[in-house]
Amino acid sequence: MSAVLRDFAEAAGLGPKRRAVVVLDGAGWHTARDLVVPEGVHLAKLPAYSPELQPAERLWPIINEGVANRTFRALAELMKVIESRCDHMENNRDQVRALTKYHWWPTEHLCEG
């Protein structure tokens, strides 16, 4: 987790003059005894059993629609389907806003390889 936060901070240009809040749920892999949080990153942990506070959870059905009850012969085949679902979300921002209640939606691609 420390490495992920470090890479995120570097990619986003975070530091003393640019900050970001990273919202975490209670997943076990979001905690570590020796977690190093880079400067400019602030962690906010959601309360337990509060999916309504995690709007992105409502996006899983859009992704799952393309992969549920299917088998894939190769990881590349699975990734192609997931990328098409991400493109679907990118091209249907109103649907995403309605599902998540987001008042914004990023202009950059949702899923980048």
PDB file of N, CA and C in Angstrom:
ATOM      1  N   MET A   1       0.829  -1.195   0.000  1.00  0.00           N
ATOM      2  CA  MET A   1       0.000   0.000   0.000  1.00  0.00           C
ATOM      3  C   MET A   1       0.869   1.252   0.000  1.00  0.00           C
ATOM      4  N   SER A   2       1.968   1.220   0.704  1.00  0.00           N
ATOM      5  CA  SER A   2       2.874   2.370   0.724  1.00  0.00           C
ATOM      6  C   SER A   2       3.372   2.701  -0.675  1.00  0.00           C
ATOM      7  N   ALA A   3       3.734   1.659  -1.438  1.00  0.00           N
ATOM      8  CA  ALA A   3       4.236   1.876  -2.795  1.00  0.00           C
ATOM      9  C   ALA A   3       3.150   2.469  -3.690  1.00  0.00           C
ATOM     10  N   VAL A   4       1.916   2.009  -3.525  1.00  0.00           N
ATOM     11  CA  VAL A   4       0.805   2.531  -4.321  1.00  0.00           C
ATOM     12  C   VAL A   4       0.583   4.011  -4.004  1.00  0.00           C
ATOM     13  N   LEU A   5       0.583   4.345  -2.731  1.00  0.00           N
ATOM     14  CA  LEU A   5       0.401   5.745  -2.336  1.00  0.00           C
ATOM     15  C   LEU A   5       1.549   6.609  -2.853  1.00  0.00           C
ATOM     16  N   ARG A   6       2.768   6.090  -2.781  1.00  0.00           N
ATOM     17  CA  ARG A   6       3.935   6.830  -3.274  1.00  0.00           C
ATOM     18  C   ARG A   6       3.798   7.091  -4.774  1.00  0.00           C
ATOM     19  N   ASP A   7       3.452   6.043  -5.535  1.00  0.00           N
ATOM     20  CA  ASP A   7       3.302   6.188  -6.984  1.00  0.00           C
ATOM     21  C   ASP A   7       2.167   7.157  -7.327  1.00  0.00           C
ATOM     22  N   PHE A   8       1.075   7.061  -6.587  1.00  0.00           N
ATOM     23  CA  PHE A   8      -0.052   7.972  -6.799  1.00  0.00           C
ATOM     24  C   PHE A   8       0.374   9.413  -6.550  1.00  0.00           C
ATOM     25  N   ALA A   9       1.072   9.662  -5.435  1.00  0.00           N
ATOM     26  CA  ALA A   9       1.515  11.011  -5.097  1.00  0.00           C
ATOM     27  C   ALA A   9       2.445  11.567  -6.169  1.00  0.00           C
ATOM     28  N   GLU A  10       3.334  10.735  -6.653  1.00  0.00           N
ATOM     29  CA  GLU A  10       4.256  11.177  -7.706  1.00  0.00           C
ATOM     30  C   GLU A  10       3.506  11.482  -8.998  1.00  0.00           C
ATOM     31  N   ALA A  11       2.611  10.581  -9.404  1.00  0.00           N
ATOM     32  CA  ALA A  11       1.865  10.763 -10.652  1.00  0.00           C
ATOM     33  C   ALA A  11       0.961  11.995 -10.608  1.00  0.00           C
ATOM     34  N   ALA A  12       0.405  12.284  -9.434  1.00  0.00           N
ATOM     35  CA  ALA A  12      -0.512  13.419  -9.286  1.00  0.00           C
ATOM     36  C   ALA A  12       0.206  14.709  -8.919  1.00  0.00           C
ATOM     37  N   GLY A  13       1.506  14.625  -8.721  1.00  0.00           N
ATOM     38  CA  GLY A  13       2.272  15.819  -8.364  1.00  0.00           C
ATOM     39  C   GLY A  13       1.924  16.366  -6.991  1.00  0.00           C
ATOM     40  N   LEU A  14       1.662  15.460  -6.055  1.00  0.00           N
ATOM     41  CA  LEU A  14       1.259  15.880  -4.716  1.00  0.00           C
ATOM     42  C   LEU A  14       2.473  16.230  -3.867  1.00  0.00           C
ATOM     43  N   GLY A  15       2.258  17.119  -2.922  1.00  0.00           N
ATOM     44  CA  GLY A  15       3.322  17.550  -2.028  1.00  0.00           C
ATOM     45  C   GLY A  15       2.818  18.675  -1.151  1.00  0.00           C
ATOM     46  N   PRO A  16       3.721  19.534  -0.688  1.00  0.00           N
ATOM     47  CA  PRO A  16       3.311  20.587   0.237  1.00  0.00           C
ATOM     48  C   PRO A  16       2.328  21.598  -0.356  1.00  0.00           C
ATOM     49  N   LYS A  17       2.353  21.791  -1.672  1.00  0.00           N
ATOM     50  CA  LYS A  17       1.482  22.790  -2.290  1.00  0.00           C
ATOM     51  C   LYS A  17       0.299  22.181  -3.050  1.00  0.00           C
ATOM     52  N   ARG A  18       0.290  20.877  -3.190  1.00  0.00           N
ATOM     53  CA  ARG A  18      -0.820  20.198  -3.880  1.00  0.00           C
ATOM     54  C   ARG A  18      -1.162  18.965  -3.068  1.00  0.00           C
ATOM     55  N   ARG A  19      -2.419  18.873  -2.639  1.00  0.00           N
ATOM     56  CA  ARG A  19      -2.827  17.798  -1.742  1.00  0.00           C
ATOM     57  C   ARG A  19      -4.028  17.044  -2.304  1.00  0.00           C
ATOM     58  N   ALA A  20      -4.213  15.823  -1.808  1.00  0.00           N
ATOM     59  CA  ALA A  20      -5.361  15.006  -2.195  1.00  0.00           C
ATOM     60  C   ALA A  20      -5.825  14.200  -0.993  1.00  0.00           C
ATOM     61  N   VAL A  21      -7.117  13.992  -0.924  1.00  0.00           N
ATOM     62  CA  VAL A  21      -7.699  13.121   0.100  1.00  0.00           C
ATOM     63  C   VAL A  21      -8.026  11.794  -0.582  1.00  0.00           C
ATOM     64  N   VAL A  22      -7.527  10.712  -0.015  1.00  0.00           N
ATOM     65  CA  VAL A  22      -7.790   9.375  -0.526  1.00  0.00           C
ATOM     66  C   VAL A  22      -8.765   8.712   0.441  1.00  0.00           C
ATOM     67  N   VAL A  23      -9.925   8.328  -0.067  1.00  0.00           N
ATOM     68  CA  VAL A  23     -10.954   7.714   0.757  1.00  0.00           C
ATOM     69  C   VAL A  23     -10.792   6.199   0.689  1.00  0.00           C
ATOM     70  N   LEU A  24     -10.718   5.571   1.847  1.00  0.00           N
ATOM     71  CA  LEU A  24     -10.528   4.128   1.940  1.00  0.00           C
ATOM     72  C   LEU A  24     -11.715   3.489   2.644  1.00  0.00           C
ATOM     73  N   ASP A  25     -12.061   2.292   2.197  1.00  0.00           N
ATOM     74  CA  ASP A  25     -13.059   1.539   2.951  1.00  0.00           C
ATOM     75  C   ASP A  25     -12.322   0.663   3.960  1.00  0.00           C
ATOM     76  N   GLY A  26     -12.995  -0.245   4.589  1.00  0.00           N
ATOM     77  CA  GLY A  26     -12.388  -1.039   5.649  1.00  0.00           C
ATOM     78  C   GLY A  26     -11.668  -2.292   5.190  1.00  0.00           C
ATOM     79  N   ALA A  27     -11.364  -2.396   3.902  1.00  0.00           N
ATOM     80  CA  ALA A  27     -10.694  -3.596   3.400  1.00  0.00           C
ATOM     81  C   ALA A  27      -9.362  -3.809   4.116  1.00  0.00           C
ATOM     82  N   GLY A  28      -9.070  -5.065   4.418  1.00  0.00           N
ATOM     83  CA  GLY A  28      -7.858  -5.396   5.155  1.00  0.00           C
ATOM     84  C   GLY A  28      -6.584  -4.942   4.485  1.00  0.00           C
ATOM     85  N   TRP A  29      -6.561  -4.914   3.157  1.00  0.00           N
ATOM     86  CA  TRP A  29      -5.335  -4.520   2.461  1.00  0.00           C
ATOM     87  C   TRP A  29      -5.137  -3.010   2.450  1.00  0.00           C
ATOM     88  N   HIS A  30      -6.081  -2.252   2.998  1.00  0.00           N
ATOM     89  CA  HIS A  30      -5.913  -0.806   3.101  1.00  0.00           C
ATOM     90  C   HIS A  30      -5.196  -0.397   4.383  1.00  0.00           C
ATOM     91  N   THR A  31      -4.802  -1.354   5.174  1.00  0.00           N
ATOM     92  CA  THR A  31      -4.106  -1.036   6.414  1.00  0.00           C
ATOM     93  C   THR A  31      -2.775  -1.770   6.461  1.00  0.00           C
ATOM     94  N   ALA A  32      -1.845  -1.166   7.121  1.00  0.00           N
ATOM     95  CA  ALA A  32      -0.538  -1.787   7.319  1.00  0.00           C
ATOM     96  C   ALA A  32       0.113  -1.126   8.525  1.00  0.00           C
ATOM     97  N   ARG A  33       0.808  -1.906   9.310  1.00  0.00           N
ATOM     98  CA  ARG A  33       1.465  -1.349  10.500  1.00  0.00           C
ATOM     99  C   ARG A  33       2.531  -0.325  10.135  1.00  0.00           C
ATOM    100  N   ASP A  34       3.225  -0.594   9.039  1.00  0.00           N
ATOM    101  CA  ASP A  34       4.329   0.273   8.653  1.00  0.00           C
ATOM    102  C   ASP A  34       3.976   1.162   7.454  1.00  0.00           C
ATOM    103  N   LEU A  35       2.703   1.521   7.319  1.00  0.00           N
ATOM    104  CA  LEU A  35       2.242   2.326   6.198  1.00  0.00           C
ATOM    105  C   LEU A  35       2.950   3.682   6.172  1.00  0.00           C
ATOM    106  N   VAL A  36       3.467   4.033   5.003  1.00  0.00           N
ATOM    107  CA  VAL A  36       4.098   5.329   4.802  1.00  0.00           C
ATOM    108  C   VAL A  36       3.181   6.143   3.902  1.00  0.00           C
ATOM    109  N   VAL A  37       2.688   7.251   4.435  1.00  0.00           N
ATOM    110  CA  VAL A  37       1.794   8.130   3.683  1.00  0.00           C
ATOM    111  C   VAL A  37       2.617   9.326   3.207  1.00  0.00           C
ATOM    112  N   PRO A  38       2.750   9.492   1.884  1.00  0.00           N
ATOM    113  CA  PRO A  38       3.566  10.580   1.365  1.00  0.00           C
ATOM    114  C   PRO A  38       2.978  11.956   1.678  1.00  0.00           C
ATOM    115  N   GLU A  39       3.849  12.951   1.658  1.00  0.00           N
ATOM    116  CA  GLU A  39       3.396  14.314   1.870  1.00  0.00           C
ATOM    117  C   GLU A  39       2.405  14.688   0.772  1.00  0.00           C
ATOM    118  N   GLY A  40       1.332  15.337   1.161  1.00  0.00           N
ATOM    119  CA  GLY A  40       0.302  15.734   0.211  1.00  0.00           C
ATOM    120  C   GLY A  40      -0.852  14.759   0.110  1.00  0.00           C
ATOM    121  N   VAL A  41      -0.703  13.579   0.711  1.00  0.00           N
ATOM    122  CA  VAL A  41      -1.766  12.577   0.711  1.00  0.00           C
ATOM    123  C   VAL A  41      -2.384  12.523   2.098  1.00  0.00           C
ATOM    124  N   HIS A  42      -3.678  12.624   2.166  1.00  0.00           N
ATOM    125  CA  HIS A  42      -4.401  12.532   3.434  1.00  0.00           C
ATOM    126  C   HIS A  42      -5.408  11.391   3.300  1.00  0.00           C
ATOM    127  N   LEU A  43      -5.391  10.476   4.232  1.00  0.00           N
ATOM    128  CA  LEU A  43      -6.280   9.313   4.199  1.00  0.00           C
ATOM    129  C   LEU A  43      -7.534   9.580   5.014  1.00  0.00           C
ATOM    130  N   ALA A  44      -8.684   9.229   4.460  1.00  0.00           N
ATOM    131  CA  ALA A  44      -9.964   9.337   5.159  1.00  0.00           C
ATOM    132  C   ALA A  44     -10.616   7.959   5.089  1.00  0.00           C
ATOM    133  N   LYS A  45     -10.829   7.342   6.224  1.00  0.00           N
ATOM    134  CA  LYS A  45     -11.401   6.001   6.267  1.00  0.00           C
ATOM    135  C   LYS A  45     -12.921   6.088   6.449  1.00  0.00           C
ATOM    136  N   LEU A  46     -13.630   5.372   5.586  1.00  0.00           N
ATOM    137  CA  LEU A  46     -15.084   5.324   5.698  1.00  0.00           C
ATOM    138  C   LEU A  46     -15.494   4.474   6.894  1.00  0.00           C
ATOM    139  N   PRO A  47     -16.633   4.774   7.498  1.00  0.00           N
ATOM    140  CA  PRO A  47     -17.134   3.922   8.567  1.00  0.00           C
ATOM    141  C   PRO A  47     -17.497   2.534   8.030  1.00  0.00           C
ATOM    142  N   ALA A  48     -17.442   1.553   8.885  1.00  0.00           N
ATOM    143  CA  ALA A  48     -17.788   0.182   8.493  1.00  0.00           C
ATOM    144  C   ALA A  48     -19.242   0.112   8.013  1.00  0.00           C
ATOM    145  N   TYR A  49     -19.476  -0.770   7.048  1.00  0.00           N
ATOM    146  CA  TYR A  49     -20.818  -1.047   6.530  1.00  0.00           C
ATOM    147  C   TYR A  49     -21.526   0.214   6.047  1.00  0.00           C
ATOM    148  N   SER A  50     -20.835   0.988   5.226  1.00  0.00           N
ATOM    149  CA  SER A  50     -21.436   2.219   4.712  1.00  0.00           C
ATOM    150  C   SER A  50     -21.218   2.351   3.196  1.00  0.00           C
ATOM    151  N   PRO A  51     -21.716   1.388   2.414  1.00  0.00           N
ATOM    152  CA  PRO A  51     -21.508   1.463   0.965  1.00  0.00           C
ATOM    153  C   PRO A  51     -22.132   2.698   0.338  1.00  0.00           C
ATOM    154  N   GLU A  52     -23.108   3.292   0.988  1.00  0.00           N
ATOM    155  CA  GLU A  52     -23.723   4.494   0.444  1.00  0.00           C
ATOM    156  C   GLU A  52     -22.746   5.666   0.398  1.00  0.00           C
ATOM    157  N   LEU A  53     -21.678   5.584   1.186  1.00  0.00           N
ATOM    158  CA  LEU A  53     -20.664   6.632   1.173  1.00  0.00           C
ATOM    159  C   LEU A  53     -19.582   6.372   0.127  1.00  0.00           C
ATOM    160  N   GLN A  54     -19.655   5.255  -0.547  1.00  0.00           N
ATOM    161  CA  GLN A  54     -18.674   4.875  -1.571  1.00  0.00           C
ATOM    162  C   GLN A  54     -19.406   4.770  -2.910  1.00  0.00           C
ATOM    163  N   PRO A  55     -19.658   5.908  -3.564  1.00  0.00           N
ATOM    164  CA  PRO A  55     -20.451   5.882  -4.793  1.00  0.00           C
ATOM    165  C   PRO A  55     -19.892   4.985  -5.887  1.00  0.00           C
ATOM    166  N   ALA A  56     -18.579   4.794  -5.926  1.00  0.00           N
ATOM    167  CA  ALA A  56     -17.988   3.955  -6.971  1.00  0.00           C
ATOM    168  C   ALA A  56     -18.462   2.513  -6.878  1.00  0.00           C
ATOM    169  N   GLU A  57     -18.925   2.073  -5.721  1.00  0.00           N
ATOM    170  CA  GLU A  57     -19.437   0.711  -5.572  1.00  0.00           C
ATOM    171  C   GLU A  57     -20.603   0.456  -6.519  1.00  0.00           C
ATOM    172  N   ARG A  58     -21.326   1.516  -6.851  1.00  0.00           N
ATOM    173  CA  ARG A  58     -22.483   1.371  -7.731  1.00  0.00           C
ATOM    174  C   ARG A  58     -22.081   1.177  -9.194  1.00  0.00           C
ATOM    175  N   LEU A  59     -20.794   1.321  -9.497  1.00  0.00           N
ATOM    176  CA  LEU A  59     -20.321   1.134 -10.868  1.00  0.00           C
ATOM    177  C   LEU A  59     -20.030  -0.323 -11.198  1.00  0.00           C
ATOM    178  N   TRP A  60     -19.867  -1.170 -10.174  1.00  0.00           N
ATOM    179  CA  TRP A  60     -19.554  -2.575 -10.436  1.00  0.00           C
ATOM    180  C   TRP A  60     -20.544  -3.257 -11.355  1.00  0.00           C
ATOM    181  N   PRO A  61     -21.858  -3.009 -11.246  1.00  0.00           N
ATOM    182  CA  PRO A  61     -22.775  -3.678 -12.179  1.00  0.00           C
ATOM    183  C   PRO A  61     -22.477  -3.367 -13.646  1.00  0.00           C
ATOM    184  N   ILE A  62     -22.020  -2.155 -13.931  1.00  0.00           N
ATOM    185  CA  ILE A  62     -21.699  -1.809 -15.318  1.00  0.00           C
ATOM    186  C   ILE A  62     -20.514  -2.639 -15.796  1.00  0.00           C
ATOM    187  N   ILE A  63     -19.500  -2.786 -14.959  1.00  0.00           N
ATOM    188  CA  ILE A  63     -18.332  -3.591 -15.323  1.00  0.00           C
ATOM    189  C   ILE A  63     -18.721  -5.069 -15.384  1.00  0.00           C
ATOM    190  N   ASN A  64     -19.422  -5.535 -14.359  1.00  0.00           N
ATOM    191  CA  ASN A  64     -19.776  -6.953 -14.270  1.00  0.00           C
ATOM    192  C   ASN A  64     -20.666  -7.425 -15.412  1.00  0.00           C
ATOM    193  N   GLU A  65     -21.460  -6.514 -15.950  1.00  0.00           N
ATOM    194  CA  GLU A  65     -22.379  -6.882 -17.028  1.00  0.00           C
ATOM    195  C   GLU A  65     -21.646  -7.549 -18.191  1.00  0.00           C
ATOM    196  N   GLY A  66     -20.440  -7.115 -18.463  1.00  0.00           N
ATOM    197  CA  GLY A  66     -19.691  -7.668 -19.576  1.00  0.00           C
ATOM    198  C   GLY A  66     -18.940  -8.951 -19.269  1.00  0.00           C
ATOM    199  N   VAL A  67     -18.779  -9.281 -17.981  1.00  0.00           N
ATOM    200  CA  VAL A  67     -17.944 -10.437 -17.634  1.00  0.00           C
ATOM    201  C   VAL A  67     -18.672 -11.528 -16.850  1.00  0.00           C
ATOM    202  N   ALA A  68     -19.856 -11.211 -16.353  1.00  0.00           N
ATOM    203  CA  ALA A  68     -20.579 -12.181 -15.527  1.00  0.00           C
ATOM    204  C   ALA A  68     -20.982 -13.402 -16.341  1.00  0.00           C
ATOM    205  N   ASN A  69     -20.856 -14.563 -15.718  1.00  0.00           N
ATOM    206  CA  ASN A  69     -21.269 -15.839 -16.321  1.00  0.00           C
ATOM    207  C   ASN A  69     -20.568 -16.130 -17.650  1.00  0.00           C
ATOM    208  N   ARG A  70     -19.328 -15.699 -17.756  1.00  0.00           N
ATOM    209  CA  ARG A  70     -18.532 -15.959 -18.951  1.00  0.00           C
ATOM    210  C   ARG A  70     -17.183 -16.523 -18.533  1.00  0.00           C
ATOM    211  N   THR A  71     -16.584 -17.235 -19.428  1.00  0.00           N
ATOM    212  CA  THR A  71     -15.211 -17.669 -19.204  1.00  0.00           C
ATOM    213  C   THR A  71     -14.343 -17.043 -20.280  1.00  0.00           C
ATOM    214  N   PHE A  72     -13.094 -16.821 -19.948  1.00  0.00           N
ATOM    215  CA  PHE A  72     -12.160 -16.194 -20.870  1.00  0.00           C
ATOM    216  C   PHE A  72     -10.944 -17.096 -21.002  1.00  0.00           C
ATOM    217  N   ARG A  73     -10.487 -17.264 -22.212  1.00  0.00           N
ATOM    218  CA  ARG A  73      -9.349 -18.145 -22.463  1.00  0.00           C
ATOM    219  C   ARG A  73      -8.026 -17.495 -22.089  1.00  0.00           C
ATOM    220  N   ALA A  74      -8.015 -16.171 -22.088  1.00  0.00           N
ATOM    221  CA  ALA A  74      -6.771 -15.462 -21.794  1.00  0.00           C
ATOM    222  C   ALA A  74      -7.081 -14.159 -21.077  1.00  0.00           C
ATOM    223  N   LEU A  75      -6.128 -13.691 -20.301  1.00  0.00           N
ATOM    224  CA  LEU A  75      -6.283 -12.435 -19.581  1.00  0.00           C
ATOM    225  C   LEU A  75      -6.525 -11.283 -20.563  1.00  0.00           C
ATOM    226  N   ALA A  76      -5.876 -11.313 -21.700  1.00  0.00           N
ATOM    227  CA  ALA A  76      -6.043 -10.252 -22.697  1.00  0.00           C
ATOM    228  C   ALA A  76      -7.499 -10.153 -23.159  1.00  0.00           C
ATOM    229  N   GLU A  77      -8.159 -11.297 -23.290  1.00  0.00           N
ATOM    230  CA  GLU A  77      -9.568 -11.313 -23.694  1.00  0.00           C
ATOM    231  C   GLU A  77     -10.438 -10.657 -22.618  1.00  0.00           C
ATOM    232  N   LEU A  78     -10.182 -10.987 -21.361  1.00  0.00           N
ATOM    233  CA  LEU A  78     -10.909 -10.373 -20.243  1.00  0.00           C
ATOM    234  C   LEU A  78     -10.666  -8.866 -20.217  1.00  0.00           C
ATOM    235  N   MET A  79      -9.418  -8.460 -20.368  1.00  0.00           N
ATOM    236  CA  MET A  79      -9.084  -7.038 -20.333  1.00  0.00           C
ATOM    237  C   MET A  79      -9.775  -6.274 -21.458  1.00  0.00           C
ATOM    238  N   LYS A  80      -9.903  -6.890 -22.613  1.00  0.00           N
ATOM    239  CA  LYS A  80     -10.577  -6.232 -23.732  1.00  0.00           C
ATOM    240  C   LYS A  80     -12.038  -5.948 -23.390  1.00  0.00           C
ATOM    241  N   VAL A  81     -12.699  -6.906 -22.750  1.00  0.00           N
ATOM    242  CA  VAL A  81     -14.100  -6.710 -22.353  1.00  0.00           C
ATOM    243  C   VAL A  81     -14.202  -5.624 -21.283  1.00  0.00           C
ATOM    244  N   ILE A  82     -13.324  -5.654 -20.301  1.00  0.00           N
ATOM    245  CA  ILE A  82     -13.360  -4.641 -19.238  1.00  0.00           C
ATOM    246  C   ILE A  82     -13.089  -3.258 -19.818  1.00  0.00           C
ATOM    247  N   GLU A  83     -12.133  -3.159 -20.725  1.00  0.00           N
ATOM    248  CA  GLU A  83     -11.853  -1.867 -21.364  1.00  0.00           C
ATOM    249  C   GLU A  83     -13.063  -1.357 -22.130  1.00  0.00           C
ATOM    250  N   SER A  84     -13.803  -2.254 -22.770  1.00  0.00           N
ATOM    251  CA  SER A  84     -14.999  -1.817 -23.500  1.00  0.00           C
ATOM    252  C   SER A  84     -16.060  -1.301 -22.535  1.00  0.00           C
ATOM    253  N   ARG A  85     -16.143  -1.906 -21.343  1.00  0.00           N
ATOM    254  CA  ARG A  85     -17.102  -1.426 -20.338  1.00  0.00           C
ATOM    255  C   ARG A  85     -16.669  -0.058 -19.798  1.00  0.00           C
ATOM    256  N   CYS A  86     -15.369   0.138 -19.635  1.00  0.00           N
ATOM    257  CA  CYS A  86     -14.861   1.456 -19.215  1.00  0.00           C
ATOM    258  C   CYS A  86     -15.176   2.499 -20.283  1.00  0.00           C
ATOM    259  N   ASP A  87     -14.994   2.131 -21.548  1.00  0.00           N
ATOM    260  CA  ASP A  87     -15.354   3.045 -22.636  1.00  0.00           C
ATOM    261  C   ASP A  87     -16.842   3.359 -22.592  1.00  0.00           C
ATOM    262  N   HIS A  88     -17.648   2.345 -22.286  1.00  0.00           N
ATOM    263  CA  HIS A  88     -19.093   2.556 -22.167  1.00  0.00           C
ATOM    264  C   HIS A  88     -19.387   3.613 -21.096  1.00  0.00           C
ATOM    265  N   MET A  89     -18.705   3.508 -19.941  1.00  0.00           N
ATOM    266  CA  MET A  89     -18.919   4.504 -18.878  1.00  0.00           C
ATOM    267  C   MET A  89     -18.454   5.883 -19.331  1.00  0.00           C
ATOM    268  N   GLU A  90     -17.335   5.934 -20.021  1.00  0.00           N
ATOM    269  CA  GLU A  90     -16.818   7.212 -20.517  1.00  0.00           C
ATOM    270  C   GLU A  90     -17.811   7.870 -21.468  1.00  0.00           C
ATOM    271  N   ASN A  91     -18.471   7.062 -22.290  1.00  0.00           N
ATOM    272  CA  ASN A  91     -19.403   7.581 -23.293  1.00  0.00           C
ATOM    273  C   ASN A  91     -20.819   7.764 -22.762  1.00  0.00           C
ATOM    274  N   ASN A  92     -21.068   7.349 -21.530  1.00  0.00           N
ATOM    275  CA  ASN A  92     -22.405   7.457 -20.933  1.00  0.00           C
ATOM    276  C   ASN A  92     -22.297   8.102 -19.548  1.00  0.00           C
ATOM    277  N   ARG A  93     -21.717   9.266 -19.517  1.00  0.00           N
ATOM    278  CA  ARG A  93     -21.466   9.953 -18.243  1.00  0.00           C
ATOM    279  C   ARG A  93     -22.743  10.238 -17.464  1.00  0.00           C
ATOM    280  N   ASP A  94     -23.835  10.504 -18.172  1.00  0.00           N
ATOM    281  CA  ASP A  94     -25.094  10.766 -17.466  1.00  0.00           C
ATOM    282  C   ASP A  94     -25.536   9.541 -16.678  1.00  0.00           C
ATOM    283  N   GLN A  95     -25.352   8.353 -17.254  1.00  0.00           N
ATOM    284  CA  GLN A  95     -25.690   7.115 -16.548  1.00  0.00           C
ATOM    285  C   GLN A  95     -24.809   6.963 -15.305  1.00  0.00           C
ATOM    286  N   VAL A  96     -23.534   7.257 -15.443  1.00  0.00           N
ATOM    287  CA  VAL A  96     -22.606   7.158 -14.314  1.00  0.00           C
ATOM    288  C   VAL A  96     -22.997   8.150 -13.229  1.00  0.00           C
ATOM    289  N   ARG A  97     -23.290   9.367 -13.623  1.00  0.00           N
ATOM    290  CA  ARG A  97     -23.710  10.373 -12.637  1.00  0.00           C
ATOM    291  C   ARG A  97     -24.977   9.934 -11.906  1.00  0.00           C
ATOM    292  N   ALA A  98     -25.920   9.372 -12.650  1.00  0.00           N
ATOM    293  CA  ALA A  98     -27.182   8.930 -12.035  1.00  0.00           C
ATOM    294  C   ALA A  98     -26.942   7.791 -11.047  1.00  0.00           C
ATOM    295  N   LEU A  99     -26.051   6.875 -11.383  1.00  0.00           N
ATOM    296  CA  LEU A  99     -25.773   5.739 -10.496  1.00  0.00           C
ATOM    297  C   LEU A  99     -25.016   6.145  -9.246  1.00  0.00           C
ATOM    298  N   THR A 100     -24.083   7.054  -9.405  1.00  0.00           N
ATOM    299  CA  THR A 100     -23.174   7.380  -8.298  1.00  0.00           C
ATOM    300  C   THR A 100     -23.568   8.628  -7.544  1.00  0.00           C
ATOM    301  N   LYS A 101     -24.402   9.427  -8.130  1.00  0.00           N
ATOM    302  CA  LYS A 101     -24.785  10.728  -7.581  1.00  0.00           C
ATOM    303  C   LYS A 101     -23.598  11.698  -7.564  1.00  0.00           C
ATOM    304  N   TYR A 102     -22.550  11.367  -8.384  1.00  0.00           N
ATOM    305  CA  TYR A 102     -21.425  12.296  -8.508  1.00  0.00           C
ATOM    306  C   TYR A 102     -21.921  13.573  -9.170  1.00  0.00           C
ATOM    307  N   HIS A 103     -21.440  14.707  -8.723  1.00  0.00           N
ATOM    308  CA  HIS A 103     -21.778  15.962  -9.378  1.00  0.00           C
ATOM    309  C   HIS A 103     -20.708  16.321 -10.403  1.00  0.00           C
ATOM    310  N   TRP A 104     -19.746  15.469 -10.576  1.00  0.00           N
ATOM    311  CA  TRP A 104     -18.659  15.663 -11.537  1.00  0.00           C
ATOM    312  C   TRP A 104     -18.291  14.311 -12.114  1.00  0.00           C
ATOM    313  N   TRP A 105     -17.518  14.333 -13.141  1.00  0.00           N
ATOM    314  CA  TRP A 105     -16.960  13.091 -13.692  1.00  0.00           C
ATOM    315  C   TRP A 105     -15.657  13.463 -14.357  1.00  0.00           C
ATOM    316  N   PRO A 106     -14.589  12.706 -14.128  1.00  0.00           N
ATOM    317  CA  PRO A 106     -13.286  13.088 -14.657  1.00  0.00           C
ATOM    318  C   PRO A 106     -13.260  13.091 -16.187  1.00  0.00           C
ATOM    319  N   THR A 107     -12.432  13.949 -16.735  1.00  0.00           N
ATOM    320  CA  THR A 107     -12.314  14.007 -18.183  1.00  0.00           C
ATOM    321  C   THR A 107     -11.311  12.997 -18.710  1.00  0.00           C
ATOM    322  N   GLU A 108     -10.397  12.537 -17.863  1.00  0.00           N
ATOM    323  CA  GLU A 108      -9.437  11.548 -18.318  1.00  0.00           C
ATOM    324  C   GLU A 108     -10.120  10.180 -18.388  1.00  0.00           C
ATOM    325  N   HIS A 109      -9.497   9.257 -19.057  1.00  0.00           N
ATOM    326  CA  HIS A 109     -10.073   7.926 -19.218  1.00  0.00           C
ATOM    327  C   HIS A 109     -10.229   7.250 -17.868  1.00  0.00           C
ATOM    328  N   LEU A 110     -11.277   6.462 -17.754  1.00  0.00           N
ATOM    329  CA  LEU A 110     -11.577   5.778 -16.496  1.00  0.00           C
ATOM    330  C   LEU A 110     -10.598   4.649 -16.211  1.00  0.00           C
ATOM    331  N   CYS A 111     -10.282   3.876 -17.203  1.00  0.00           N
ATOM    332  CA  CYS A 111      -9.402   2.730 -17.034  1.00  0.00           C
ATOM    333  C   CYS A 111      -8.276   2.847 -18.040  1.00  0.00           C
ATOM    334  N   GLU A 112      -7.106   2.986 -17.556  1.00  0.00           N
ATOM    335  CA  GLU A 112      -5.957   3.058 -18.449  1.00  0.00           C
ATOM    336  C   GLU A 112      -5.030   1.920 -18.152  1.00  0.00           C
ATOM    337  N   GLY A 113      -4.537   1.297 -19.225  1.00  0.00           N
ATOM    338  CA  GLY A 113      -3.646   0.171 -19.077  1.00  0.00           C
ATOM    339  C   GLY A 113      -2.319   0.610 -18.630  1.00  0.00           C
TER     340      GLY A 113
END
